[in-house]
Amino acid sequence: MVETAGMDRELTIGEVARRAGVPVPTVRYYESRGLLSARRTTGNQRRYDRSVLRRLAVVAAAARIGLPLAEVGAAFAELPADRAPDREDWARLSAGWRRRVDKRIAELESLREDLDGCIGCGCLSLDRCALVNPADEAAAEGPGSRWVRRARSTATSPGRRGA
């Protein structure tokens, strides 16, 4: 028979941190941001339901794709607070995140293609640059490689500046 004693008991902050692979201050921080909740004992110690481990796994997945904690918190607000997220919950959460990852992959692929040709108007590729910047016209628009970003986002053809 499988030992189940203690499986239903709550976890201390140290147990949560150890099981999730994060430092105790991180658990406290996530709790302060509303991503986790704990009850307090009469001695004012935190006790966590085991479902926080699933929530921490979702936080880790979101961090890997660059989602801010505010977005994770907003997603968690749509979940039932009394249980761990299940497959349906995860499918709902991850659908929007998947679109974001796909967009980021496309941006990175575009960047990879530009690496050996353009650095975003500094300009080391003037003889073949699609965004020629005579007399440093781009400076009037502010800092950064604005024309390159605009050209990518509006899909202008080579040889023309984005409108």
N, C-alpha and C. Protein backbone atom coordinates (compact mmCIF):
# COMPACT_ATOMS: atom_id res chain seq x y z
N MET A 1 0.84 -1.18 0.00
CA MET A 1 0.00 0.00 0.00
C MET A 1 0.88 1.25 0.00
N VAL A 2 0.51 2.24 -0.80
CA VAL A 2 1.28 3.47 -0.90
C VAL A 2 1.02 4.32 0.33
N GLU A 3 2.08 4.84 0.88
CA GLU A 3 1.98 5.71 2.06
C GLU A 3 1.41 7.06 1.64
N THR A 4 0.28 7.45 2.24
CA THR A 4 -0.33 8.73 1.91
C THR A 4 -0.35 9.69 3.08
N ALA A 5 0.14 9.24 4.22
CA ALA A 5 0.15 10.11 5.39
C ALA A 5 0.95 11.37 5.07
N GLY A 6 0.38 12.49 5.34
CA GLY A 6 1.08 13.75 5.11
C GLY A 6 0.89 14.31 3.72
N MET A 7 0.29 13.54 2.79
CA MET A 7 0.12 14.03 1.42
C MET A 7 -0.89 15.17 1.36
N ASP A 8 -1.85 15.18 2.27
CA ASP A 8 -2.86 16.23 2.26
C ASP A 8 -2.46 17.42 3.12
N ARG A 9 -1.38 17.30 3.85
CA ARG A 9 -1.01 18.39 4.74
C ARG A 9 -0.47 19.57 3.96
N GLU A 10 -0.55 20.72 4.58
CA GLU A 10 -0.05 21.94 3.96
C GLU A 10 1.48 21.96 4.01
N LEU A 11 2.04 22.82 3.19
CA LEU A 11 3.50 22.93 3.09
C LEU A 11 3.98 24.21 3.77
N THR A 12 5.15 24.13 4.37
CA THR A 12 5.78 25.32 4.92
C THR A 12 6.42 26.09 3.77
N ILE A 13 6.83 27.31 4.02
CA ILE A 13 7.46 28.11 2.98
C ILE A 13 8.76 27.46 2.51
N GLY A 14 9.51 26.86 3.43
CA GLY A 14 10.74 26.18 3.06
C GLY A 14 10.49 24.98 2.17
N GLU A 15 9.43 24.23 2.47
CA GLU A 15 9.09 23.07 1.64
C GLU A 15 8.66 23.51 0.25
N VAL A 16 7.86 24.58 0.18
CA VAL A 16 7.43 25.10 -1.12
C VAL A 16 8.66 25.53 -1.93
N ALA A 17 9.54 26.28 -1.31
CA ALA A 17 10.73 26.77 -2.00
C ALA A 17 11.59 25.61 -2.50
N ARG A 18 11.81 24.64 -1.65
CA ARG A 18 12.64 23.49 -2.03
C ARG A 18 12.00 22.71 -3.17
N ARG A 19 10.70 22.44 -3.07
CA ARG A 19 10.00 21.67 -4.11
C ARG A 19 9.94 22.43 -5.43
N ALA A 20 9.79 23.75 -5.37
CA ALA A 20 9.69 24.56 -6.59
C ALA A 20 11.05 24.94 -7.16
N GLY A 21 12.10 24.76 -6.36
CA GLY A 21 13.45 25.11 -6.84
C GLY A 21 13.69 26.60 -6.88
N VAL A 22 13.08 27.33 -5.95
CA VAL A 22 13.28 28.78 -5.86
C VAL A 22 13.67 29.13 -4.43
N PRO A 23 14.31 30.27 -4.23
CA PRO A 23 14.64 30.69 -2.87
C PRO A 23 13.39 31.12 -2.10
N VAL A 24 13.44 31.01 -0.79
CA VAL A 24 12.33 31.41 0.07
C VAL A 24 11.91 32.86 -0.21
N PRO A 25 12.84 33.81 -0.36
CA PRO A 25 12.40 35.19 -0.65
C PRO A 25 11.58 35.29 -1.94
N THR A 26 11.82 34.43 -2.89
CA THR A 26 11.04 34.44 -4.13
C THR A 26 9.60 34.03 -3.85
N VAL A 27 9.42 33.03 -3.01
CA VAL A 27 8.07 32.62 -2.63
C VAL A 27 7.35 33.79 -1.95
N ARG A 28 8.04 34.46 -1.04
CA ARG A 28 7.45 35.62 -0.35
C ARG A 28 7.09 36.72 -1.36
N TYR A 29 7.98 36.95 -2.29
CA TYR A 29 7.75 37.99 -3.30
C TYR A 29 6.52 37.65 -4.14
N TYR A 30 6.43 36.41 -4.61
CA TYR A 30 5.26 36.02 -5.41
C TYR A 30 3.99 36.15 -4.59
N GLU A 31 4.06 35.85 -3.32
CA GLU A 31 2.89 36.01 -2.46
C GLU A 31 2.53 37.49 -2.34
N SER A 32 3.53 38.36 -2.19
CA SER A 32 3.26 39.80 -2.08
C SER A 32 2.65 40.35 -3.36
N ARG A 33 2.94 39.73 -4.49
CA ARG A 33 2.39 40.14 -5.79
C ARG A 33 1.03 39.51 -6.07
N GLY A 34 0.55 38.67 -5.16
CA GLY A 34 -0.77 38.05 -5.31
C GLY A 34 -0.79 36.81 -6.16
N LEU A 35 0.38 36.26 -6.49
CA LEU A 35 0.42 35.06 -7.31
C LEU A 35 0.18 33.79 -6.49
N LEU A 36 0.47 33.87 -5.21
CA LEU A 36 0.30 32.74 -4.29
C LEU A 36 -0.44 33.25 -3.07
N SER A 37 -1.05 32.32 -2.37
CA SER A 37 -1.65 32.70 -1.10
C SER A 37 -1.33 31.63 -0.07
N ALA A 38 -1.29 32.06 1.16
CA ALA A 38 -1.00 31.16 2.27
C ALA A 38 -1.91 31.54 3.42
N ARG A 39 -2.16 30.59 4.26
CA ARG A 39 -2.85 30.92 5.50
C ARG A 39 -1.79 31.05 6.58
N ARG A 40 -2.12 31.72 7.64
CA ARG A 40 -1.17 31.91 8.74
C ARG A 40 -1.61 31.05 9.92
N THR A 41 -0.63 30.41 10.55
CA THR A 41 -0.90 29.64 11.75
C THR A 41 -1.07 30.59 12.92
N THR A 42 -1.43 30.05 14.06
CA THR A 42 -1.54 30.90 15.26
C THR A 42 -0.19 31.49 15.62
N GLY A 43 0.89 30.84 15.20
CA GLY A 43 2.24 31.37 15.43
C GLY A 43 2.71 32.27 14.29
N ASN A 44 1.78 32.65 13.37
CA ASN A 44 2.04 33.55 12.25
C ASN A 44 2.98 32.96 11.19
N GLN A 45 3.02 31.64 11.10
CA GLN A 45 3.82 30.99 10.06
C GLN A 45 2.94 30.73 8.85
N ARG A 46 3.55 30.85 7.67
CA ARG A 46 2.82 30.60 6.43
C ARG A 46 2.62 29.10 6.24
N ARG A 47 1.44 28.74 5.73
CA ARG A 47 1.16 27.37 5.33
C ARG A 47 0.49 27.44 3.96
N TYR A 48 1.04 26.68 3.02
CA TYR A 48 0.59 26.71 1.64
C TYR A 48 -0.09 25.40 1.27
N ASP A 49 -1.15 25.52 0.49
CA ASP A 49 -1.77 24.35 -0.11
C ASP A 49 -0.80 23.82 -1.17
N ARG A 50 -0.84 22.53 -1.41
CA ARG A 50 0.07 21.94 -2.41
C ARG A 50 -0.15 22.51 -3.81
N SER A 51 -1.32 23.07 -4.06
CA SER A 51 -1.60 23.62 -5.39
C SER A 51 -0.67 24.77 -5.76
N VAL A 52 0.00 25.38 -4.77
CA VAL A 52 0.93 26.47 -5.11
C VAL A 52 2.10 25.94 -5.93
N LEU A 53 2.41 24.66 -5.81
CA LEU A 53 3.50 24.10 -6.61
C LEU A 53 3.16 24.16 -8.10
N ARG A 54 1.91 23.88 -8.44
CA ARG A 54 1.48 23.98 -9.83
C ARG A 54 1.52 25.43 -10.28
N ARG A 55 1.06 26.33 -9.43
CA ARG A 55 1.09 27.75 -9.78
C ARG A 55 2.53 28.22 -10.00
N LEU A 56 3.44 27.77 -9.16
CA LEU A 56 4.85 28.15 -9.33
C LEU A 56 5.41 27.58 -10.63
N ALA A 57 4.96 26.42 -11.04
CA ALA A 57 5.40 25.85 -12.32
C ALA A 57 4.90 26.73 -13.47
N VAL A 58 3.68 27.24 -13.36
CA VAL A 58 3.14 28.13 -14.39
C VAL A 58 3.93 29.44 -14.41
N VAL A 59 4.27 29.97 -13.24
CA VAL A 59 5.07 31.20 -13.16
C VAL A 59 6.42 30.97 -13.86
N ALA A 60 7.04 29.82 -13.60
CA ALA A 60 8.33 29.52 -14.23
C ALA A 60 8.19 29.42 -15.75
N ALA A 61 7.12 28.79 -16.23
CA ALA A 61 6.91 28.69 -17.68
C ALA A 61 6.71 30.07 -18.29
N ALA A 62 5.93 30.90 -17.62
CA ALA A 62 5.69 32.25 -18.10
C ALA A 62 6.98 33.07 -18.15
N ALA A 63 7.81 32.90 -17.13
CA ALA A 63 9.09 33.62 -17.09
C ALA A 63 9.98 33.22 -18.26
N ARG A 64 9.94 31.94 -18.63
CA ARG A 64 10.78 31.47 -19.74
C ARG A 64 10.41 32.12 -21.05
N ILE A 65 9.14 32.53 -21.20
CA ILE A 65 8.75 33.19 -22.45
C ILE A 65 8.71 34.70 -22.31
N GLY A 66 9.13 35.19 -21.14
CA GLY A 66 9.26 36.63 -20.96
C GLY A 66 8.00 37.36 -20.55
N LEU A 67 7.02 36.66 -20.00
CA LEU A 67 5.80 37.34 -19.56
C LEU A 67 6.04 38.06 -18.25
N PRO A 68 5.56 39.27 -18.14
CA PRO A 68 5.69 39.99 -16.87
C PRO A 68 4.77 39.36 -15.82
N LEU A 69 5.16 39.48 -14.55
CA LEU A 69 4.38 38.91 -13.47
C LEU A 69 2.97 39.48 -13.42
N ALA A 70 2.80 40.71 -13.84
CA ALA A 70 1.46 41.31 -13.84
C ALA A 70 0.51 40.51 -14.76
N GLU A 71 1.02 40.06 -15.90
CA GLU A 71 0.19 39.26 -16.80
C GLU A 71 -0.11 37.89 -16.22
N VAL A 72 0.87 37.32 -15.53
CA VAL A 72 0.65 36.03 -14.87
C VAL A 72 -0.42 36.20 -13.79
N GLY A 73 -0.31 37.27 -13.03
CA GLY A 73 -1.30 37.54 -11.99
C GLY A 73 -2.69 37.70 -12.57
N ALA A 74 -2.80 38.41 -13.69
CA ALA A 74 -4.10 38.59 -14.34
C ALA A 74 -4.66 37.25 -14.80
N ALA A 75 -3.79 36.38 -15.31
CA ALA A 75 -4.24 35.05 -15.72
C ALA A 75 -4.68 34.23 -14.51
N PHE A 76 -3.93 34.31 -13.43
CA PHE A 76 -4.30 33.58 -12.22
C PHE A 76 -5.61 34.06 -11.64
N ALA A 77 -5.92 35.33 -11.83
CA ALA A 77 -7.18 35.88 -11.31
C ALA A 77 -8.38 35.21 -11.95
N GLU A 78 -8.18 34.63 -13.13
CA GLU A 78 -9.26 33.93 -13.83
C GLU A 78 -9.39 32.47 -13.40
N LEU A 79 -8.46 32.00 -12.59
CA LEU A 79 -8.48 30.61 -12.14
C LEU A 79 -9.17 30.47 -10.79
N PRO A 80 -9.75 29.31 -10.53
CA PRO A 80 -10.29 29.07 -9.20
C PRO A 80 -9.16 29.10 -8.17
N ALA A 81 -9.39 29.77 -7.06
CA ALA A 81 -8.34 29.90 -6.03
C ALA A 81 -8.21 28.65 -5.17
N ASP A 82 -9.19 27.77 -5.23
CA ASP A 82 -9.22 26.63 -4.31
C ASP A 82 -8.61 25.35 -4.85
N ARG A 83 -7.99 25.43 -6.03
CA ARG A 83 -7.38 24.22 -6.60
C ARG A 83 -6.24 24.58 -7.54
N ALA A 84 -5.47 23.56 -7.88
CA ALA A 84 -4.37 23.75 -8.82
C ALA A 84 -4.94 23.89 -10.24
N PRO A 85 -4.26 24.64 -11.10
CA PRO A 85 -4.70 24.70 -12.49
C PRO A 85 -4.67 23.31 -13.12
N ASP A 86 -5.69 22.98 -13.91
CA ASP A 86 -5.73 21.68 -14.58
C ASP A 86 -5.44 21.86 -16.07
N ARG A 87 -5.59 20.80 -16.85
CA ARG A 87 -5.28 20.86 -18.29
C ARG A 87 -6.10 21.93 -19.01
N GLU A 88 -7.39 22.00 -18.71
CA GLU A 88 -8.24 22.99 -19.36
C GLU A 88 -7.79 24.41 -19.01
N ASP A 89 -7.47 24.61 -17.74
CA ASP A 89 -6.98 25.92 -17.31
C ASP A 89 -5.71 26.28 -18.07
N TRP A 90 -4.80 25.32 -18.14
CA TRP A 90 -3.52 25.56 -18.81
C TRP A 90 -3.73 25.85 -20.29
N ALA A 91 -4.63 25.11 -20.93
CA ALA A 91 -4.90 25.34 -22.35
C ALA A 91 -5.43 26.76 -22.57
N ARG A 92 -6.30 27.21 -21.70
CA ARG A 92 -6.85 28.55 -21.81
C ARG A 92 -5.75 29.61 -21.61
N LEU A 93 -4.93 29.41 -20.57
CA LEU A 93 -3.85 30.37 -20.30
C LEU A 93 -2.82 30.40 -21.42
N SER A 94 -2.44 29.22 -21.86
CA SER A 94 -1.32 29.13 -22.79
C SER A 94 -1.68 29.53 -24.21
N ALA A 95 -2.97 29.57 -24.55
CA ALA A 95 -3.36 29.93 -25.92
C ALA A 95 -2.85 31.32 -26.29
N GLY A 96 -3.09 32.29 -25.44
CA GLY A 96 -2.60 33.64 -25.71
C GLY A 96 -1.10 33.72 -25.63
N TRP A 97 -0.55 32.99 -24.70
CA TRP A 97 0.91 32.99 -24.55
C TRP A 97 1.57 32.36 -25.77
N ARG A 98 0.92 31.37 -26.37
CA ARG A 98 1.47 30.72 -27.56
C ARG A 98 1.59 31.72 -28.72
N ARG A 99 0.56 32.56 -28.89
CA ARG A 99 0.62 33.59 -29.95
C ARG A 99 1.79 34.53 -29.71
N ARG A 100 2.01 34.87 -28.46
CA ARG A 100 3.11 35.76 -28.11
C ARG A 100 4.46 35.10 -28.43
N VAL A 101 4.59 33.82 -28.12
CA VAL A 101 5.83 33.09 -28.41
C VAL A 101 6.04 33.02 -29.92
N ASP A 102 4.98 32.73 -30.68
CA ASP A 102 5.10 32.67 -32.14
C ASP A 102 5.58 34.01 -32.70
N LYS A 103 5.04 35.11 -32.18
CA LYS A 103 5.45 36.44 -32.64
C LYS A 103 6.92 36.68 -32.30
N ARG A 104 7.30 36.29 -31.10
CA ARG A 104 8.69 36.48 -30.68
C ARG A 104 9.65 35.66 -31.53
N ILE A 105 9.25 34.43 -31.87
CA ILE A 105 10.07 33.59 -32.74
C ILE A 105 10.25 34.26 -34.10
N ALA A 106 9.17 34.80 -34.65
CA ALA A 106 9.25 35.48 -35.95
C ALA A 106 10.20 36.68 -35.87
N GLU A 107 10.11 37.44 -34.77
CA GLU A 107 11.01 38.58 -34.60
C GLU A 107 12.46 38.14 -34.51
N LEU A 108 12.71 37.06 -33.78
CA LEU A 108 14.08 36.56 -33.64
C LEU A 108 14.60 36.01 -34.96
N GLU A 109 13.74 35.35 -35.75
CA GLU A 109 14.17 34.86 -37.06
C GLU A 109 14.54 36.03 -37.97
N SER A 110 13.76 37.09 -37.92
CA SER A 110 14.06 38.28 -38.70
C SER A 110 15.39 38.89 -38.26
N LEU A 111 15.59 38.96 -36.97
CA LEU A 111 16.85 39.49 -36.44
C LEU A 111 18.03 38.63 -36.90
N ARG A 112 17.86 37.31 -36.87
CA ARG A 112 18.93 36.41 -37.31
C ARG A 112 19.29 36.69 -38.76
N GLU A 113 18.30 36.93 -39.61
CA GLU A 113 18.55 37.20 -41.03
C GLU A 113 19.30 38.52 -41.22
N ASP A 114 19.06 39.47 -40.32
CA ASP A 114 19.70 40.78 -40.43
C ASP A 114 21.08 40.85 -39.81
N LEU A 115 21.46 39.88 -39.02
CA LEU A 115 22.71 39.97 -38.26
C LEU A 115 23.94 40.25 -39.10
N ASP A 116 24.04 39.61 -40.25
CA ASP A 116 25.24 39.81 -41.04
C ASP A 116 25.09 40.95 -42.06
N GLY A 117 23.94 41.60 -42.08
CA GLY A 117 23.75 42.65 -43.07
C GLY A 117 23.47 44.02 -42.51
N CYS A 118 22.77 44.11 -41.39
CA CYS A 118 22.35 45.42 -40.91
C CYS A 118 22.38 45.45 -39.39
N ILE A 119 22.86 46.55 -38.85
CA ILE A 119 22.85 46.70 -37.41
C ILE A 119 21.89 47.79 -36.98
N GLY A 120 21.07 48.27 -37.88
CA GLY A 120 20.05 49.24 -37.50
C GLY A 120 20.48 50.67 -37.53
N CYS A 121 21.17 51.03 -38.50
CA CYS A 121 21.62 52.37 -38.84
C CYS A 121 22.61 52.94 -37.88
N GLY A 122 23.75 52.41 -38.18
CA GLY A 122 24.95 52.92 -37.56
C GLY A 122 25.94 53.30 -38.63
N CYS A 123 25.93 53.09 -39.84
CA CYS A 123 25.42 52.10 -40.76
C CYS A 123 26.63 51.41 -41.40
N LEU A 124 26.76 50.15 -41.12
CA LEU A 124 27.89 49.38 -41.64
C LEU A 124 27.57 48.73 -42.97
N SER A 125 26.36 48.90 -43.45
CA SER A 125 25.96 48.25 -44.70
C SER A 125 25.40 49.27 -45.69
N LEU A 126 25.97 50.47 -45.71
CA LEU A 126 25.43 51.57 -46.49
C LEU A 126 25.27 51.24 -47.97
N ASP A 127 26.19 50.44 -48.53
CA ASP A 127 26.10 50.15 -49.95
C ASP A 127 24.92 49.26 -50.31
N ARG A 128 24.30 48.60 -49.35
CA ARG A 128 23.15 47.75 -49.64
C ARG A 128 22.00 47.98 -48.64
N CYS A 129 22.03 49.09 -47.95
CA CYS A 129 21.04 49.39 -46.91
C CYS A 129 19.69 49.76 -47.51
N ALA A 130 18.64 49.14 -47.00
CA ALA A 130 17.28 49.44 -47.46
C ALA A 130 16.74 50.71 -46.80
N LEU A 131 17.44 51.21 -45.84
CA LEU A 131 16.96 52.35 -45.08
C LEU A 131 18.02 53.45 -45.02
N VAL A 132 18.51 53.86 -46.19
CA VAL A 132 19.58 54.85 -46.24
C VAL A 132 19.21 56.06 -45.40
N ASN A 133 20.20 56.54 -44.64
CA ASN A 133 19.98 57.62 -43.68
C ASN A 133 20.92 58.78 -43.99
N PRO A 134 20.71 59.47 -45.13
CA PRO A 134 21.61 60.57 -45.46
C PRO A 134 21.49 61.70 -44.45
N ALA A 135 22.61 62.30 -44.12
CA ALA A 135 22.68 63.42 -43.19
C ALA A 135 22.04 63.10 -41.85
N ASP A 136 22.02 61.85 -41.51
CA ASP A 136 21.50 61.40 -40.22
C ASP A 136 20.09 61.91 -39.94
N GLU A 137 19.21 61.78 -40.95
CA GLU A 137 17.81 62.20 -40.80
C GLU A 137 17.11 61.49 -39.65
N ALA A 138 17.49 60.27 -39.38
CA ALA A 138 16.83 59.49 -38.34
C ALA A 138 17.00 60.11 -36.96
N ALA A 139 18.03 60.90 -36.77
CA ALA A 139 18.28 61.52 -35.46
C ALA A 139 17.13 62.42 -35.04
N ALA A 140 16.45 63.03 -36.00
CA ALA A 140 15.34 63.93 -35.67
C ALA A 140 14.16 63.17 -35.06
N GLU A 141 14.09 61.87 -35.30
CA GLU A 141 12.98 61.06 -34.78
C GLU A 141 13.27 60.48 -33.40
N GLY A 142 14.46 60.69 -32.91
CA GLY A 142 14.79 60.19 -31.58
C GLY A 142 15.81 59.09 -31.62
N PRO A 143 16.13 58.53 -30.45
CA PRO A 143 17.18 57.52 -30.36
C PRO A 143 16.73 56.15 -30.88
N GLY A 144 17.71 55.34 -31.20
CA GLY A 144 17.44 53.96 -31.61
C GLY A 144 17.28 53.79 -33.10
N SER A 145 17.16 52.55 -33.48
CA SER A 145 17.06 52.19 -34.90
C SER A 145 15.59 52.17 -35.33
N ARG A 146 14.97 53.31 -35.31
CA ARG A 146 13.54 53.44 -35.58
C ARG A 146 13.15 52.99 -36.99
N TRP A 147 13.94 53.33 -37.99
CA TRP A 147 13.57 52.98 -39.36
C TRP A 147 13.58 51.48 -39.56
N VAL A 148 14.54 50.81 -38.95
CA VAL A 148 14.61 49.36 -39.11
C VAL A 148 13.39 48.72 -38.47
N ARG A 149 13.03 49.14 -37.25
CA ARG A 149 11.85 48.57 -36.59
C ARG A 149 10.59 48.88 -37.39
N ARG A 150 10.48 50.10 -37.88
CA ARG A 150 9.29 50.48 -38.65
C ARG A 150 9.22 49.67 -39.94
N ALA A 151 10.35 49.48 -40.60
CA ALA A 151 10.37 48.73 -41.85
C ALA A 151 9.90 47.30 -41.62
N ARG A 152 10.33 46.71 -40.52
CA ARG A 152 9.91 45.34 -40.22
C ARG A 152 8.43 45.28 -39.89
N SER A 153 7.97 46.23 -39.09
CA SER A 153 6.58 46.16 -38.63
C SER A 153 5.59 46.50 -39.74
N THR A 154 5.97 47.32 -40.69
CA THR A 154 5.05 47.67 -41.77
C THR A 154 5.36 46.90 -43.05
N ALA A 155 6.38 46.08 -43.00
CA ALA A 155 6.78 45.24 -44.12
C ALA A 155 6.98 46.05 -45.39
N THR A 156 7.73 47.16 -45.27
CA THR A 156 8.05 47.97 -46.45
C THR A 156 9.02 47.20 -47.31
N SER A 157 9.01 47.50 -48.57
CA SER A 157 9.89 46.82 -49.50
C SER A 157 11.29 47.43 -49.39
N PRO A 158 12.34 46.67 -49.76
CA PRO A 158 13.71 47.19 -49.70
C PRO A 158 13.84 48.43 -50.57
N GLY A 159 14.61 49.37 -50.06
CA GLY A 159 14.86 50.59 -50.81
C GLY A 159 13.94 51.73 -50.44
N ARG A 160 12.92 51.44 -49.63
CA ARG A 160 11.99 52.49 -49.20
C ARG A 160 11.99 52.59 -47.69
N ARG A 161 11.86 53.80 -47.20
CA ARG A 161 11.69 54.02 -45.78
C ARG A 161 10.23 53.82 -45.45
N GLY A 162 9.97 53.28 -44.23
CA GLY A 162 8.58 53.12 -43.79
C GLY A 162 7.93 54.47 -43.57
N ALA A 163 6.65 54.54 -43.82
CA ALA A 163 5.91 55.79 -43.65
C ALA A 163 5.55 56.02 -42.21
